[in-house]
Structure formats: C-alpha cells, structure tokens
Amino acid sequence: MLTSATSAMRKRLIQIFGFLISTLGWVLVLCTLAMDYWRVTQLGGQGGSFVIRVLWYWSNLWKDCSADSTAVANCRDFPTLWDVTPFIHVVRGLLMCGLIFGFVGAVLCFVGMECTYIGGADQTKDKLLLAGAVFHFAGGVSDISAYSLYISRIIRTSFGTIFSPTLLRYDIGPPIFLGLVGSVFILFGAVLYSVTVFRSFCPESKVVYASQGGTYMAPRSRGRTIYTGSYKTSRHYGSSIGSRRSSNSRISKFSQTTPIKISERDAFV
C-alpha cells in the first residue's frame, strides 16, 4: 500500500512539473513573436573607425527598423502579405501552428493529469494525457523548425554571398535563443508526460517459469489453477509415490498379522 501511494505521488509530481515547464516554454515562444531584434547589425562606432555616429539595423517578423546614436528609430512595416519574403511566411506559419498545438496540448494535459478531478476514469485520463503530449511534441518540433529556418536564412545571407561594402551582415538576436529554449522546454514536458503513462499502455509481460518436470504458466481462463494443464509429473516422481504406497501397505499388513507381545514389565508400567 505504501509503495503504491509513493508511486502515485511521484506520478503526480512528474505531471505537475511537466505541465509547468511545457507551459513556460509555450509562453516563451509566444513572447518571441512580439519581440524585436530577431536579427541585428551595427555600422560605425568600432575602434579606429572614422565614423562617429553609430547606426543600428534590426528587424523581426513584422518590420525592419534602424536607429542611431540619438535614439531616433525609423521603422518600416512589412507590406501586404503577397509582398513579403516567402521564408517570413513560412516562419510565421510554423510558429502559429506550434502555438496552436501547444495550446491544445496544454488543455488536454490539464484535463488528463491525475491531480485534477475532471476527465473521467484513470484510463481515459491517461489517453488524454498521451494525446496532449503528442500535441506538445508536434508544437515543439514546429517551433524549432521555424527558428532553424530563420537562422539558416541569416547564415546563408551573411556568409553565402560575395562580400560587398553595401551588404549588411546580420547577427542572431536574443529572441531566437529564447525561442529555442522555450521549444526545448516544450519537448521536455512532452517527454515527462509520456513517461508517466507509459506503463498504462505497455504493461509488463507475464513471467513464465520452466522446471524439469513442466512449465508454470498463468491461467488462461477462470476456474483453472496455475498448475492445471501445464504441469506434468515426472516418471521418477510417480514411481517414488507408488513405492511409498506399496511399502506402507506392506507395513500395515505385517502389523495386522503379527501379534504384539507385551512383557510383564511393560504391562506394569
């Protein structure tokens, strides 16, 4: 009883930790959509440069901006959907899909957790929790794919072309690293969910023991014992039983036919 209570408590703690870490990752990914400085570069201000005024260029999924040392920023929002670079559309779509999958997964996992009193029987709750883990995993993979595509675009643009003085070489900004961390949190939460319900869908196999005289197996139907139809006595064991019975019968017959003499001393005692 104590062992079952401890395992149930451990299962609940793992599910709660998985819910917290996956929700935190989902929030981090959501925050990166509204953050600036997805890619950033700087002109002037380096040591030994004759340029005094520093100029920064940065952009995200929605606009391109520039700012100088006077803190004046000029931004240009991306035009209509059909005028935006295709890879921006792909990144947006992957992130939106990841957020939707993560939201559905969070709802299913919240209902399927053992510490909540909604969701039905234990087997139903385990199914809901496993479905939520699958949605979380799909959302995490979608988010990582979006950030990886954006990073590959920056690297290919900065280092895959011929050097030109007018070409801006961008660096990866903080939101991308934050989004990657959030995606890893989501995947880790999905793994924790799956660990808690693994035994429910993959039970332990029955152990079969083999001996010299036969095989001990679990009963296949009611009314049959463990030894019925599966254990056969050996010839040696049967012969030993027969010899014991014959010897006992001989002793009993001998005791019936042979008179017992009692001495006077034994009778006195």
C-alpha atoms as a PDB file:
ATOM      1  CA  MET A   1       0.000   0.000   0.000  1.00  0.00           C
ATOM      2  CA  LEU A   2       2.817   2.369   0.871  1.00  0.00           C
ATOM      3  CA  THR A   3       4.615   1.582  -2.375  1.00  0.00           C
ATOM      4  CA  SER A   4       1.514   2.273  -4.483  1.00  0.00           C
ATOM      5  CA  ALA A   5       0.908   5.579  -2.673  1.00  0.00           C
ATOM      6  CA  THR A   6       4.525   6.610  -3.238  1.00  0.00           C
ATOM      7  CA  SER A   7       4.379   5.770  -6.936  1.00  0.00           C
ATOM      8  CA  ALA A   8       1.100   7.693  -7.315  1.00  0.00           C
ATOM      9  CA  MET A   9       2.612  10.727  -5.604  1.00  0.00           C
ATOM     10  CA  ARG A  10       5.714  10.509  -7.803  1.00  0.00           C
ATOM     11  CA  LYS A  11       3.492  10.310 -10.891  1.00  0.00           C
ATOM     12  CA  ARG A  12       1.581  13.421  -9.844  1.00  0.00           C
ATOM     13  CA  LEU A  13       4.745  15.400  -9.167  1.00  0.00           C
ATOM     14  CA  ILE A  14       6.206  14.492 -12.572  1.00  0.00           C
ATOM     15  CA  GLN A  15       2.980  15.518 -14.311  1.00  0.00           C
ATOM     16  CA  ILE A  16       2.837  18.839 -12.462  1.00  0.00           C
ATOM     17  CA  PHE A  17       6.473  19.579 -13.305  1.00  0.00           C
ATOM     18  CA  GLY A  18       5.848  18.657 -16.941  1.00  0.00           C
ATOM     19  CA  PHE A  19       2.825  20.954 -17.081  1.00  0.00           C
ATOM     20  CA  LEU A  20       4.757  23.872 -15.597  1.00  0.00           C
ATOM     21  CA  ILE A  21       7.809  23.516 -17.828  1.00  0.00           C
ATOM     22  CA  SER A  22       5.788  22.968 -21.024  1.00  0.00           C
ATOM     23  CA  THR A  23       3.571  25.974 -20.250  1.00  0.00           C
ATOM     24  CA  LEU A  24       6.646  28.096 -19.575  1.00  0.00           C
ATOM     25  CA  GLY A  25       8.123  27.071 -22.912  1.00  0.00           C
ATOM     26  CA  TRP A  26       4.859  27.923 -24.687  1.00  0.00           C
ATOM     27  CA  VAL A  27       4.841  31.383 -23.090  1.00  0.00           C
ATOM     28  CA  LEU A  28       8.461  31.983 -24.122  1.00  0.00           C
ATOM     29  CA  VAL A  29       7.685  31.101 -27.729  1.00  0.00           C
ATOM     30  CA  LEU A  30       4.643  33.386 -27.649  1.00  0.00           C
ATOM     31  CA  CYS A  31       6.725  36.279 -26.328  1.00  0.00           C
ATOM     32  CA  THR A  32       9.254  35.996 -29.136  1.00  0.00           C
ATOM     33  CA  LEU A  33       6.574  36.859 -31.712  1.00  0.00           C
ATOM     34  CA  ALA A  34       6.239  40.358 -30.261  1.00  0.00           C
ATOM     35  CA  MET A  35       9.923  40.942 -29.527  1.00  0.00           C
ATOM     36  CA  ASP A  36      12.319  42.988 -31.648  1.00  0.00           C
ATOM     37  CA  TYR A  37      15.938  42.328 -32.639  1.00  0.00           C
ATOM     38  CA  TRP A  38      15.462  38.965 -34.293  1.00  0.00           C
ATOM     39  CA  ARG A  39      18.451  39.953 -36.371  1.00  0.00           C
ATOM     40  CA  VAL A  40      20.658  42.970 -35.697  1.00  0.00           C
ATOM     41  CA  THR A  41      23.728  44.636 -37.163  1.00  0.00           C
ATOM     42  CA  GLN A  42      25.783  47.734 -36.408  1.00  0.00           C
ATOM     43  CA  LEU A  43      27.587  50.286 -38.560  1.00  0.00           C
ATOM     44  CA  GLY A  44      30.304  52.558 -37.177  1.00  0.00           C
ATOM     45  CA  GLY A  45      31.483  53.010 -33.648  1.00  0.00           C
ATOM     46  CA  GLN A  46      34.202  50.356 -33.839  1.00  0.00           C
ATOM     47  CA  GLY A  47      37.636  51.077 -32.509  1.00  0.00           C
ATOM     48  CA  GLY A  48      39.744  53.021 -35.018  1.00  0.00           C
ATOM     49  CA  SER A  49      36.774  53.831 -37.234  1.00  0.00           C
ATOM     50  CA  PHE A  50      36.395  57.354 -38.530  1.00  0.00           C
ATOM     51  CA  VAL A  51      32.622  57.129 -38.241  1.00  0.00           C
ATOM     52  CA  ILE A  52      31.435  58.812 -35.085  1.00  0.00           C
ATOM     53  CA  ARG A  53      27.722  58.251 -35.367  1.00  0.00           C
ATOM     54  CA  VAL A  54      26.606  54.674 -34.734  1.00  0.00           C
ATOM     55  CA  LEU A  55      23.761  53.172 -36.735  1.00  0.00           C
ATOM     56  CA  TRP A  56      21.896  50.000 -35.840  1.00  0.00           C
ATOM     57  CA  TYR A  57      19.711  47.932 -38.135  1.00  0.00           C
ATOM     58  CA  TRP A  58      17.377  45.344 -36.733  1.00  0.00           C
ATOM     59  CA  SER A  59      14.244  43.515 -37.808  1.00  0.00           C
ATOM     60  CA  ASN A  60      11.719  40.901 -36.725  1.00  0.00           C
ATOM     61  CA  LEU A  61       8.853  39.079 -38.396  1.00  0.00           C
ATOM     62  CA  TRP A  62       6.792  42.220 -38.827  1.00  0.00           C
ATOM     63  CA  LYS A  63       9.074  45.171 -39.614  1.00  0.00           C
ATOM     64  CA  ASP A  64      12.560  46.489 -40.388  1.00  0.00           C
ATOM     65  CA  CYS A  65      13.965  49.316 -38.276  1.00  0.00           C
ATOM     66  CA  SER A  66      17.051  51.493 -37.968  1.00  0.00           C
ATOM     67  CA  ALA A  67      18.234  53.597 -35.047  1.00  0.00           C
ATOM     68  CA  ASP A  68      21.169  55.945 -34.498  1.00  0.00           C
ATOM     69  CA  SER A  69      23.058  57.269 -31.500  1.00  0.00           C
ATOM     70  CA  THR A  70      20.441  59.978 -30.965  1.00  0.00           C
ATOM     71  CA  ALA A  71      17.850  57.247 -30.124  1.00  0.00           C
ATOM     72  CA  VAL A  72      15.751  58.117 -33.132  1.00  0.00           C
ATOM     73  CA  ALA A  73      14.270  54.987 -34.709  1.00  0.00           C
ATOM     74  CA  ASN A  74      12.784  54.696 -38.161  1.00  0.00           C
ATOM     75  CA  CYS A  75      10.712  51.586 -38.827  1.00  0.00           C
ATOM     76  CA  ARG A  76       9.109  50.242 -41.969  1.00  0.00           C
ATOM     77  CA  ASP A  77       6.349  47.741 -41.532  1.00  0.00           C
ATOM     78  CA  PHE A  78       6.237  44.857 -43.942  1.00  0.00           C
ATOM     79  CA  PRO A  79       3.781  45.455 -46.785  1.00  0.00           C
ATOM     80  CA  THR A  80       0.829  43.267 -47.654  1.00  0.00           C
ATOM     81  CA  LEU A  81       1.066  39.506 -47.381  1.00  0.00           C
ATOM     82  CA  TRP A  82       1.878  38.835 -51.020  1.00  0.00           C
ATOM     83  CA  ASP A  83       4.795  41.281 -50.975  1.00  0.00           C
ATOM     84  CA  VAL A  84       6.618  39.721 -48.015  1.00  0.00           C
ATOM     85  CA  THR A  85       9.564  37.365 -48.472  1.00  0.00           C
ATOM     86  CA  PRO A  86       8.283  33.761 -48.631  1.00  0.00           C
ATOM     87  CA  PHE A  87      10.512  32.479 -45.839  1.00  0.00           C
ATOM     88  CA  ILE A  88       8.915  35.034 -43.480  1.00  0.00           C
ATOM     89  CA  HIS A  89       5.524  33.495 -44.247  1.00  0.00           C
ATOM     90  CA  VAL A  90       6.876  30.031 -43.548  1.00  0.00           C
ATOM     91  CA  VAL A  91       8.361  31.094 -40.209  1.00  0.00           C
ATOM     92  CA  ARG A  92       5.139  32.784 -39.186  1.00  0.00           C
ATOM     93  CA  GLY A  93       3.066  29.775 -40.160  1.00  0.00           C
ATOM     94  CA  LEU A  94       5.267  27.306 -38.292  1.00  0.00           C
ATOM     95  CA  LEU A  95       5.196  29.415 -35.136  1.00  0.00           C
ATOM     96  CA  MET A  96       1.435  29.837 -35.305  1.00  0.00           C
ATOM     97  CA  CYS A  97       0.961  26.092 -35.763  1.00  0.00           C
ATOM     98  CA  GLY A  98       3.298  25.417 -32.853  1.00  0.00           C
ATOM     99  CA  LEU A  99       1.365  27.789 -30.595  1.00  0.00           C
ATOM    100  CA  ILE A 100      -1.975  26.245 -31.553  1.00  0.00           C
ATOM    101  CA  PHE A 101      -0.672  22.730 -30.975  1.00  0.00           C
ATOM    102  CA  GLY A 102       0.782  23.822 -27.654  1.00  0.00           C
ATOM    103  CA  PHE A 103      -2.494  25.362 -26.502  1.00  0.00           C
ATOM    104  CA  VAL A 104      -4.483  22.235 -27.381  1.00  0.00           C
ATOM    105  CA  GLY A 105      -1.837  20.084 -25.702  1.00  0.00           C
ATOM    106  CA  ALA A 106      -1.942  22.193 -22.531  1.00  0.00           C
ATOM    107  CA  VAL A 107      -5.734  21.838 -22.286  1.00  0.00           C
ATOM    108  CA  LEU A 108      -5.635  18.075 -22.836  1.00  0.00           C
ATOM    109  CA  CYS A 109      -2.811  17.594 -20.346  1.00  0.00           C
ATOM    110  CA  PHE A 110      -4.570  19.696 -17.718  1.00  0.00           C
ATOM    111  CA  VAL A 111      -7.697  17.561 -18.046  1.00  0.00           C
ATOM    112  CA  GLY A 112      -5.721  14.306 -18.136  1.00  0.00           C
ATOM    113  CA  MET A 113      -3.491  14.972 -15.142  1.00  0.00           C
ATOM    114  CA  GLU A 114      -4.047  12.710 -12.169  1.00  0.00           C
ATOM    115  CA  CYS A 115      -4.221  15.594  -9.700  1.00  0.00           C
ATOM    116  CA  THR A 116      -7.305  17.080 -11.401  1.00  0.00           C
ATOM    117  CA  TYR A 117     -10.836  15.842 -10.748  1.00  0.00           C
ATOM    118  CA  ILE A 118     -12.082  16.098 -14.321  1.00  0.00           C
ATOM    119  CA  GLY A 119     -11.596  13.847 -17.313  1.00  0.00           C
ATOM    120  CA  GLY A 120     -13.330  10.625 -16.242  1.00  0.00           C
ATOM    121  CA  ALA A 121     -11.704   7.314 -15.337  1.00  0.00           C
ATOM    122  CA  ASP A 122      -7.986   6.744 -14.980  1.00  0.00           C
ATOM    123  CA  GLN A 123      -7.655   5.050 -18.357  1.00  0.00           C
ATOM    124  CA  THR A 124      -9.459   7.942 -20.081  1.00  0.00           C
ATOM    125  CA  LYS A 125      -7.257  10.472 -18.324  1.00  0.00           C
ATOM    126  CA  ASP A 126      -4.148   8.614 -19.433  1.00  0.00           C
ATOM    127  CA  LYS A 127      -5.338   8.704 -23.034  1.00  0.00           C
ATOM    128  CA  LEU A 128      -5.983  12.440 -22.806  1.00  0.00           C
ATOM    129  CA  LEU A 129      -2.558  12.998 -21.275  1.00  0.00           C
ATOM    130  CA  LEU A 130      -0.864  10.994 -24.006  1.00  0.00           C
ATOM    131  CA  ALA A 131      -2.761  12.941 -26.694  1.00  0.00           C
ATOM    132  CA  GLY A 132      -1.663  16.198 -25.056  1.00  0.00           C
ATOM    133  CA  ALA A 133       1.941  15.007 -25.032  1.00  0.00           C
ATOM    134  CA  VAL A 134       1.715  14.280 -28.763  1.00  0.00           C
ATOM    135  CA  PHE A 135       0.358  17.777 -29.427  1.00  0.00           C
ATOM    136  CA  HIS A 136       3.140  19.302 -27.320  1.00  0.00           C
ATOM    137  CA  PHE A 137       5.753  17.322 -29.209  1.00  0.00           C
ATOM    138  CA  ALA A 138       4.339  18.405 -32.576  1.00  0.00           C
ATOM    139  CA  GLY A 139       4.262  22.021 -31.420  1.00  0.00           C
ATOM    140  CA  GLY A 140       7.843  21.920 -30.159  1.00  0.00           C
ATOM    141  CA  VAL A 141       9.092  20.434 -33.423  1.00  0.00           C
ATOM    142  CA  SER A 142       7.202  23.114 -35.381  1.00  0.00           C
ATOM    143  CA  ASP A 143       8.736  25.897 -33.277  1.00  0.00           C
ATOM    144  CA  ILE A 144      12.257  24.542 -33.611  1.00  0.00           C
ATOM    145  CA  SER A 145      11.778  24.235 -37.374  1.00  0.00           C
ATOM    146  CA  ALA A 146      10.732  27.893 -37.588  1.00  0.00           C
ATOM    147  CA  TYR A 147      13.730  29.176 -35.636  1.00  0.00           C
ATOM    148  CA  SER A 148      16.113  26.915 -37.533  1.00  0.00           C
ATOM    149  CA  LEU A 149      14.790  28.201 -40.852  1.00  0.00           C
ATOM    150  CA  TYR A 150      15.293  31.807 -39.754  1.00  0.00           C
ATOM    151  CA  ILE A 151      18.824  31.075 -38.540  1.00  0.00           C
ATOM    152  CA  SER A 152      19.736  29.313 -41.777  1.00  0.00           C
ATOM    153  CA  ARG A 153      18.438  32.289 -43.745  1.00  0.00           C
ATOM    154  CA  ILE A 154      20.642  34.679 -41.749  1.00  0.00           C
ATOM    155  CA  ILE A 155      23.712  32.488 -42.171  1.00  0.00           C
ATOM    156  CA  ARG A 156      23.133  31.968 -45.870  1.00  0.00           C
ATOM    157  CA  THR A 157      22.626  35.698 -46.473  1.00  0.00           C
ATOM    158  CA  SER A 158      25.633  36.772 -44.401  1.00  0.00           C
ATOM    159  CA  PHE A 159      28.226  34.180 -45.403  1.00  0.00           C
ATOM    160  CA  GLY A 160      26.928  32.597 -48.595  1.00  0.00           C
ATOM    161  CA  THR A 161      27.308  35.583 -50.899  1.00  0.00           C
ATOM    162  CA  ILE A 162      30.206  37.564 -52.234  1.00  0.00           C
ATOM    163  CA  PHE A 163      31.424  40.270 -49.893  1.00  0.00           C
ATOM    164  CA  SER A 164      30.115  43.752 -50.710  1.00  0.00           C
ATOM    165  CA  PRO A 165      30.529  47.036 -48.779  1.00  0.00           C
ATOM    166  CA  THR A 166      26.792  47.681 -49.094  1.00  0.00           C
ATOM    167  CA  LEU A 167      25.795  44.229 -47.800  1.00  0.00           C
ATOM    168  CA  LEU A 168      24.558  44.126 -44.212  1.00  0.00           C
ATOM    169  CA  ARG A 169      25.711  41.090 -42.284  1.00  0.00           C
ATOM    170  CA  TYR A 170      23.190  40.426 -39.548  1.00  0.00           C
ATOM    171  CA  ASP A 171      23.735  38.612 -36.271  1.00  0.00           C
ATOM    172  CA  ILE A 172      21.264  36.363 -34.491  1.00  0.00           C
ATOM    173  CA  GLY A 173      19.263  38.266 -31.896  1.00  0.00           C
ATOM    174  CA  PRO A 174      18.206  37.261 -28.357  1.00  0.00           C
ATOM    175  CA  PRO A 175      14.574  36.332 -29.226  1.00  0.00           C
ATOM    176  CA  ILE A 176      15.724  33.385 -31.325  1.00  0.00           C
ATOM    177  CA  PHE A 177      17.772  31.920 -28.476  1.00  0.00           C
ATOM    178  CA  LEU A 178      14.858  32.487 -26.105  1.00  0.00           C
ATOM    179  CA  GLY A 179      12.509  30.719 -28.505  1.00  0.00           C
ATOM    180  CA  LEU A 180      14.857  27.749 -28.853  1.00  0.00           C
ATOM    181  CA  VAL A 181      14.984  27.387 -25.080  1.00  0.00           C
ATOM    182  CA  GLY A 182      11.186  27.520 -24.930  1.00  0.00           C
ATOM    183  CA  SER A 183      10.918  24.852 -27.636  1.00  0.00           C
ATOM    184  CA  VAL A 184      13.250  22.554 -25.697  1.00  0.00           C
ATOM    185  CA  PHE A 185      11.121  23.096 -22.580  1.00  0.00           C
ATOM    186  CA  ILE A 186       8.018  22.070 -24.528  1.00  0.00           C
ATOM    187  CA  LEU A 187       9.658  18.873 -25.793  1.00  0.00           C
ATOM    188  CA  PHE A 188      10.954  18.045 -22.321  1.00  0.00           C
ATOM    189  CA  GLY A 189       7.460  18.473 -20.865  1.00  0.00           C
ATOM    190  CA  ALA A 190       6.064  16.134 -23.526  1.00  0.00           C
ATOM    191  CA  VAL A 191       8.634  13.501 -22.581  1.00  0.00           C
ATOM    192  CA  LEU A 192       7.687  13.790 -18.893  1.00  0.00           C
ATOM    193  CA  TYR A 193       4.022  13.305 -19.734  1.00  0.00           C
ATOM    194  CA  SER A 194       4.803  10.228 -21.803  1.00  0.00           C
ATOM    195  CA  VAL A 195       6.890   8.662 -19.029  1.00  0.00           C
ATOM    196  CA  THR A 196       4.006   8.818 -16.540  1.00  0.00           C
ATOM    197  CA  VAL A 197       1.529   6.995 -18.808  1.00  0.00           C
ATOM    198  CA  PHE A 198       3.946   4.570 -20.438  1.00  0.00           C
ATOM    199  CA  ARG A 199       3.110   1.712 -18.079  1.00  0.00           C
ATOM    200  CA  SER A 200      -0.620   2.107 -18.713  1.00  0.00           C
ATOM    201  CA  PHE A 201      -0.301   1.373 -22.422  1.00  0.00           C
ATOM    202  CA  CYS A 202       2.682  -1.012 -22.242  1.00  0.00           C
ATOM    203  CA  PRO A 203       2.082  -3.330 -19.257  1.00  0.00           C
ATOM    204  CA  GLU A 204       4.705  -5.725 -18.018  1.00  0.00           C
ATOM    205  CA  SER A 205       4.770  -9.146 -19.667  1.00  0.00           C
ATOM    206  CA  LYS A 206       3.838 -12.211 -17.634  1.00  0.00           C
ATOM    207  CA  VAL A 207       6.743 -14.244 -16.356  1.00  0.00           C
ATOM    208  CA  VAL A 208       6.837 -17.916 -17.321  1.00  0.00           C
ATOM    209  CA  TYR A 209       8.966 -20.288 -15.260  1.00  0.00           C
ATOM    210  CA  ALA A 210      10.250 -23.561 -16.675  1.00  0.00           C
ATOM    211  CA  SER A 211      11.215 -26.507 -14.490  1.00  0.00           C
ATOM    212  CA  GLN A 212      12.488 -30.012 -15.150  1.00  0.00           C
ATOM    213  CA  GLY A 213       9.100 -31.629 -14.849  1.00  0.00           C
ATOM    214  CA  GLY A 214       6.958 -28.993 -16.616  1.00  0.00           C
ATOM    215  CA  THR A 215       6.160 -25.343 -17.118  1.00  0.00           C
ATOM    216  CA  TYR A 216       4.398 -22.965 -14.719  1.00  0.00           C
ATOM    217  CA  MET A 217       2.109 -20.588 -16.638  1.00  0.00           C
ATOM    218  CA  ALA A 218      -0.580 -18.047 -15.831  1.00  0.00           C
ATOM    219  CA  PRO A 219      -4.137 -19.424 -16.082  1.00  0.00           C
ATOM    220  CA  ARG A 220      -5.907 -18.619 -19.361  1.00  0.00           C
ATOM    221  CA  SER A 221      -9.470 -18.928 -18.061  1.00  0.00           C
ATOM    222  CA  ARG A 222     -11.355 -18.838 -14.820  1.00  0.00           C
ATOM    223  CA  GLY A 223     -11.697 -21.936 -12.751  1.00  0.00           C
ATOM    224  CA  ARG A 224      -8.246 -23.222 -13.623  1.00  0.00           C
ATOM    225  CA  THR A 225      -5.337 -23.140 -11.269  1.00  0.00           C
ATOM    226  CA  ILE A 226      -1.780 -22.302 -12.111  1.00  0.00           C
ATOM    227  CA  TYR A 227      -0.813 -25.965 -12.301  1.00  0.00           C
ATOM    228  CA  THR A 228      -3.802 -27.249 -14.297  1.00  0.00           C
ATOM    229  CA  GLY A 229      -2.881 -28.386 -17.775  1.00  0.00           C
ATOM    230  CA  SER A 230       0.609 -27.020 -17.537  1.00  0.00           C
ATOM    231  CA  TYR A 231       2.482 -29.151 -15.036  1.00  0.00           C
ATOM    232  CA  LYS A 232       3.217 -32.801 -15.646  1.00  0.00           C
ATOM    233  CA  THR A 233       4.696 -35.070 -13.044  1.00  0.00           C
ATOM    234  CA  SER A 234       7.811 -36.963 -13.957  1.00  0.00           C
ATOM    235  CA  ARG A 235       8.065 -40.740 -14.074  1.00  0.00           C
ATOM    236  CA  HIS A 236      10.559 -40.767 -11.256  1.00  0.00           C
ATOM    237  CA  TYR A 237       8.169 -38.846  -9.034  1.00  0.00           C
ATOM    238  CA  GLY A 238       5.305 -41.230  -9.857  1.00  0.00           C
ATOM    239  CA  SER A 239       7.407 -44.311  -9.206  1.00  0.00           C
ATOM    240  CA  SER A 240       8.549 -42.926  -5.883  1.00  0.00           C
ATOM    241  CA  ILE A 241       4.948 -42.319  -4.838  1.00  0.00           C
ATOM    242  CA  GLY A 242       3.989 -45.869  -5.889  1.00  0.00           C
ATOM    243  CA  SER A 243       6.872 -47.410  -3.960  1.00  0.00           C
ATOM    244  CA  ARG A 244       5.928 -45.423  -0.860  1.00  0.00           C
ATOM    245  CA  ARG A 245       2.330 -46.586  -1.071  1.00  0.00           C
ATOM    246  CA  SER A 246       3.368 -50.257  -1.507  1.00  0.00           C
ATOM    247  CA  SER A 247       5.773 -50.087   1.408  1.00  0.00           C
ATOM    248  CA  ASN A 248       3.117 -48.510   3.622  1.00  0.00           C
ATOM    249  CA  SER A 249       0.620 -51.214   2.677  1.00  0.00           C
ATOM    250  CA  ARG A 250       3.147 -53.945   3.470  1.00  0.00           C
ATOM    251  CA  ILE A 251       3.830 -52.441   6.886  1.00  0.00           C
ATOM    252  CA  SER A 252       0.127 -52.210   7.669  1.00  0.00           C
ATOM    253  CA  LYS A 253      -0.455 -55.861   6.619  1.00  0.00           C
ATOM    254  CA  PHE A 254       2.511 -57.017   8.698  1.00  0.00           C
ATOM    255  CA  SER A 255       1.216 -55.171  11.730  1.00  0.00           C
ATOM    256  CA  GLN A 256      -2.212 -56.807  11.338  1.00  0.00           C
ATOM    257  CA  THR A 257      -0.895 -60.401  11.055  1.00  0.00           C
ATOM    258  CA  THR A 258       1.949 -60.244  13.575  1.00  0.00           C
ATOM    259  CA  PRO A 259       0.896 -60.432  17.252  1.00  0.00           C
ATOM    260  CA  ILE A 260       2.438 -57.943  19.640  1.00  0.00           C
ATOM    261  CA  LYS A 261       3.985 -59.410  22.754  1.00  0.00           C
ATOM    262  CA  ILE A 262       3.965 -57.242  25.868  1.00  0.00           C
ATOM    263  CA  SER A 263       6.250 -58.139  28.691  1.00  0.00           C
ATOM    264  CA  GLU A 264       5.283 -58.027  32.372  1.00  0.00           C
ATOM    265  CA  ARG A 265       7.495 -55.028  32.980  1.00  0.00           C
ATOM    266  CA  ASP A 266       5.832 -53.051  30.190  1.00  0.00           C
ATOM    267  CA  ALA A 267       2.395 -54.029  31.409  1.00  0.00           C
ATOM    268  CA  PHE A 268       3.272 -52.884  34.920  1.00  0.00           C
ATOM    269  CA  VAL A 269       4.413 -49.517  33.585  1.00  0.00           C
END
